[in-house]
Amino acid sequence: MVGGARAPQLARLPDDQLLDRVRADLKDITGLAAEPEFARIFRHERAIPQYVVGHAARLEAIDQVLNRHPGLVLTGNAFRGVSLNDCVVNAWKTAESLVPLSANGESS
């Protein structure tokens, strides 16, 4: 991944310059200097949500509204973490909130 909110200009580099930059970064980080067998570039504008000041308060307000509608849930990377790991953790939490477990761990 290249660019993002902190360095959007990098994602706008021409393909050859972008590949050179990525290869140089990989060499610095991992020591990998081999030429890739192939490379594909996918550019996604605004692909990852950026949380802004007030995001936590916004989530709290959403939760208050959701509390008035049992069974209605919202989840995803726009709420509590944009990484794949965050989304998996939150998906499990969401599923567990929808399927209460009995004391012995089986679905009721």
C-alpha atoms as a PDB file:
ATOM      1  CA  MET A   1       0.000   0.000   0.000  1.00  0.00           C
ATOM      2  CA  VAL A   2       1.268   3.395  -0.944  1.00  0.00           C
ATOM      3  CA  GLY A   3      -0.082   6.851  -0.302  1.00  0.00           C
ATOM      4  CA  GLY A   4      -2.925   7.197   2.120  1.00  0.00           C
ATOM      5  CA  ALA A   5      -3.950  10.238   4.093  1.00  0.00           C
ATOM      6  CA  ARG A   6      -0.374  11.055   5.107  1.00  0.00           C
ATOM      7  CA  ALA A   7       1.252  10.848   1.668  1.00  0.00           C
ATOM      8  CA  PRO A   8      -1.420  10.928  -1.064  1.00  0.00           C
ATOM      9  CA  GLN A   9       1.038  12.331  -3.603  1.00  0.00           C
ATOM     10  CA  LEU A  10       2.927   9.006  -3.621  1.00  0.00           C
ATOM     11  CA  ALA A  11      -0.090   7.144  -4.995  1.00  0.00           C
ATOM     12  CA  ARG A  12      -0.219   9.617  -7.886  1.00  0.00           C
ATOM     13  CA  LEU A  13       3.285   8.819  -9.102  1.00  0.00           C
ATOM     14  CA  PRO A  14       3.563   7.349 -12.607  1.00  0.00           C
ATOM     15  CA  ASP A  15       3.607   3.536 -12.555  1.00  0.00           C
ATOM     16  CA  ASP A  16       7.352   3.175 -13.194  1.00  0.00           C
ATOM     17  CA  GLN A  17       8.245   5.651 -10.431  1.00  0.00           C
ATOM     18  CA  LEU A  18       5.777   4.020  -8.055  1.00  0.00           C
ATOM     19  CA  LEU A  19       7.296   0.576  -8.652  1.00  0.00           C
ATOM     20  CA  ASP A  20      10.807   1.980  -8.171  1.00  0.00           C
ATOM     21  CA  ARG A  21       9.711   3.559  -4.877  1.00  0.00           C
ATOM     22  CA  VAL A  22       8.082   0.362  -3.601  1.00  0.00           C
ATOM     23  CA  ARG A  23      11.090  -1.749  -4.577  1.00  0.00           C
ATOM     24  CA  ALA A  24      13.438   0.681  -2.819  1.00  0.00           C
ATOM     25  CA  ASP A  25      11.262   0.586   0.322  1.00  0.00           C
ATOM     26  CA  LEU A  26      11.162  -3.228   0.260  1.00  0.00           C
ATOM     27  CA  LYS A  27      14.935  -3.331  -0.095  1.00  0.00           C
ATOM     28  CA  ASP A  28      15.381  -0.950   2.856  1.00  0.00           C
ATOM     29  CA  ILE A  29      12.913  -2.818   5.062  1.00  0.00           C
ATOM     30  CA  THR A  30      13.533  -6.452   4.139  1.00  0.00           C
ATOM     31  CA  GLY A  31      16.743  -6.498   2.119  1.00  0.00           C
ATOM     32  CA  LEU A  32      14.753  -7.860  -0.833  1.00  0.00           C
ATOM     33  CA  ALA A  33      16.342  -6.660  -4.067  1.00  0.00           C
ATOM     34  CA  ALA A  34      15.070  -9.205  -6.620  1.00  0.00           C
ATOM     35  CA  GLU A  35      13.082  -8.033  -9.623  1.00  0.00           C
ATOM     36  CA  PRO A  36       9.421  -9.010  -9.346  1.00  0.00           C
ATOM     37  CA  GLU A  37       8.120 -11.525 -11.873  1.00  0.00           C
ATOM     38  CA  PHE A  38       5.103  -9.285 -12.348  1.00  0.00           C
ATOM     39  CA  ALA A  39       3.543  -6.235 -10.759  1.00  0.00           C
ATOM     40  CA  ARG A  40       0.011  -4.895 -10.825  1.00  0.00           C
ATOM     41  CA  ILE A  41      -1.027  -1.493  -9.602  1.00  0.00           C
ATOM     42  CA  PHE A  42      -4.535  -0.841  -8.353  1.00  0.00           C
ATOM     43  CA  ARG A  43      -5.389   2.689  -7.372  1.00  0.00           C
ATOM     44  CA  HIS A  44      -8.299   3.206  -4.987  1.00  0.00           C
ATOM     45  CA  GLU A  45      -9.115   6.796  -4.101  1.00  0.00           C
ATOM     46  CA  ARG A  46     -10.340   7.161  -0.536  1.00  0.00           C
ATOM     47  CA  ALA A  47     -10.128   3.403   0.019  1.00  0.00           C
ATOM     48  CA  ILE A  48      -9.617   3.438   3.777  1.00  0.00           C
ATOM     49  CA  PRO A  49     -11.787   5.552   6.064  1.00  0.00           C
ATOM     50  CA  GLN A  50      -9.985   8.258   7.990  1.00  0.00           C
ATOM     51  CA  TYR A  51     -11.352   8.878  11.457  1.00  0.00           C
ATOM     52  CA  VAL A  52     -11.596  12.558  12.251  1.00  0.00           C
ATOM     53  CA  VAL A  53     -11.867  14.455  15.521  1.00  0.00           C
ATOM     54  CA  GLY A  54     -15.244  13.647  17.023  1.00  0.00           C
ATOM     55  CA  HIS A  55     -15.406  10.085  15.706  1.00  0.00           C
ATOM     56  CA  ALA A  56     -15.741   8.553  19.192  1.00  0.00           C
ATOM     57  CA  ALA A  57     -18.619  10.908  20.063  1.00  0.00           C
ATOM     58  CA  ARG A  58     -20.291  10.052  16.766  1.00  0.00           C
ATOM     59  CA  LEU A  59     -20.024   6.340  17.578  1.00  0.00           C
ATOM     60  CA  GLU A  60     -21.522   6.944  21.007  1.00  0.00           C
ATOM     61  CA  ALA A  61     -24.499   8.744  19.445  1.00  0.00           C
ATOM     62  CA  ILE A  62     -24.979   5.905  16.952  1.00  0.00           C
ATOM     63  CA  ASP A  63     -24.860   3.348  19.770  1.00  0.00           C
ATOM     64  CA  GLN A  64     -27.533   5.274  21.695  1.00  0.00           C
ATOM     65  CA  VAL A  65     -29.850   5.148  18.682  1.00  0.00           C
ATOM     66  CA  LEU A  66     -29.095   1.469  18.067  1.00  0.00           C
ATOM     67  CA  ASN A  67     -29.977   0.663  21.693  1.00  0.00           C
ATOM     68  CA  ARG A  68     -33.542   1.712  20.877  1.00  0.00           C
ATOM     69  CA  HIS A  69     -33.680  -0.868  18.065  1.00  0.00           C
ATOM     70  CA  PRO A  70     -32.776  -4.323  19.439  1.00  0.00           C
ATOM     71  CA  GLY A  71     -31.449  -6.630  16.756  1.00  0.00           C
ATOM     72  CA  LEU A  72     -30.270  -3.815  14.505  1.00  0.00           C
ATOM     73  CA  VAL A  73     -26.478  -3.771  14.335  1.00  0.00           C
ATOM     74  CA  LEU A  74     -23.915  -1.844  12.357  1.00  0.00           C
ATOM     75  CA  THR A  75     -20.362  -2.984  11.848  1.00  0.00           C
ATOM     76  CA  GLY A  76     -17.517  -2.526   9.418  1.00  0.00           C
ATOM     77  CA  ASN A  77     -14.309  -0.625   9.000  1.00  0.00           C
ATOM     78  CA  ALA A  78     -16.009   2.754   9.184  1.00  0.00           C
ATOM     79  CA  PHE A  79     -16.815   2.220  12.866  1.00  0.00           C
ATOM     80  CA  ARG A  80     -14.146   0.662  15.088  1.00  0.00           C
ATOM     81  CA  GLY A  81     -11.006  -0.100  13.128  1.00  0.00           C
ATOM     82  CA  VAL A  82     -10.067  -0.104   9.466  1.00  0.00           C
ATOM     83  CA  SER A  83      -7.583  -2.965   9.398  1.00  0.00           C
ATOM     84  CA  LEU A  84      -8.509  -6.512   8.463  1.00  0.00           C
ATOM     85  CA  ASN A  85      -7.678  -7.622  12.013  1.00  0.00           C
ATOM     86  CA  ASP A  86     -10.016  -4.983  13.473  1.00  0.00           C
ATOM     87  CA  CYS A  87     -12.801  -6.004  11.098  1.00  0.00           C
ATOM     88  CA  VAL A  88     -12.450  -9.689  12.026  1.00  0.00           C
ATOM     89  CA  VAL A  89     -12.484  -8.922  15.755  1.00  0.00           C
ATOM     90  CA  ASN A  90     -15.521  -6.666  15.372  1.00  0.00           C
ATOM     91  CA  ALA A  91     -17.310  -9.225  13.180  1.00  0.00           C
ATOM     92  CA  TRP A  92     -16.880 -11.819  15.944  1.00  0.00           C
ATOM     93  CA  LYS A  93     -18.139  -9.365  18.558  1.00  0.00           C
ATOM     94  CA  THR A  94     -21.143  -8.568  16.386  1.00  0.00           C
ATOM     95  CA  ALA A  95     -21.913 -12.246  15.806  1.00  0.00           C
ATOM     96  CA  GLU A  96     -21.590 -13.003  19.517  1.00  0.00           C
ATOM     97  CA  SER A  97     -23.978 -10.175  20.349  1.00  0.00           C
ATOM     98  CA  LEU A  98     -26.566 -11.684  17.998  1.00  0.00           C
ATOM     99  CA  VAL A  99     -26.220 -15.274  19.160  1.00  0.00           C
ATOM    100  CA  PRO A 100     -26.207 -15.387  22.954  1.00  0.00           C
ATOM    101  CA  LEU A 101     -24.297 -18.319  24.407  1.00  0.00           C
ATOM    102  CA  SER A 102     -25.518 -20.409  27.313  1.00  0.00           C
ATOM    103  CA  ALA A 103     -23.331 -21.011  30.341  1.00  0.00           C
ATOM    104  CA  ASN A 104     -21.819 -24.170  28.770  1.00  0.00           C
ATOM    105  CA  GLY A 105     -20.828 -22.380  25.574  1.00  0.00           C
ATOM    106  CA  GLU A 106     -23.489 -23.858  23.289  1.00  0.00           C
ATOM    107  CA  SER A 107     -25.970 -21.813  21.312  1.00  0.00           C
ATOM    108  CA  SER A 108     -29.275 -21.420  23.057  1.00  0.00           C
END
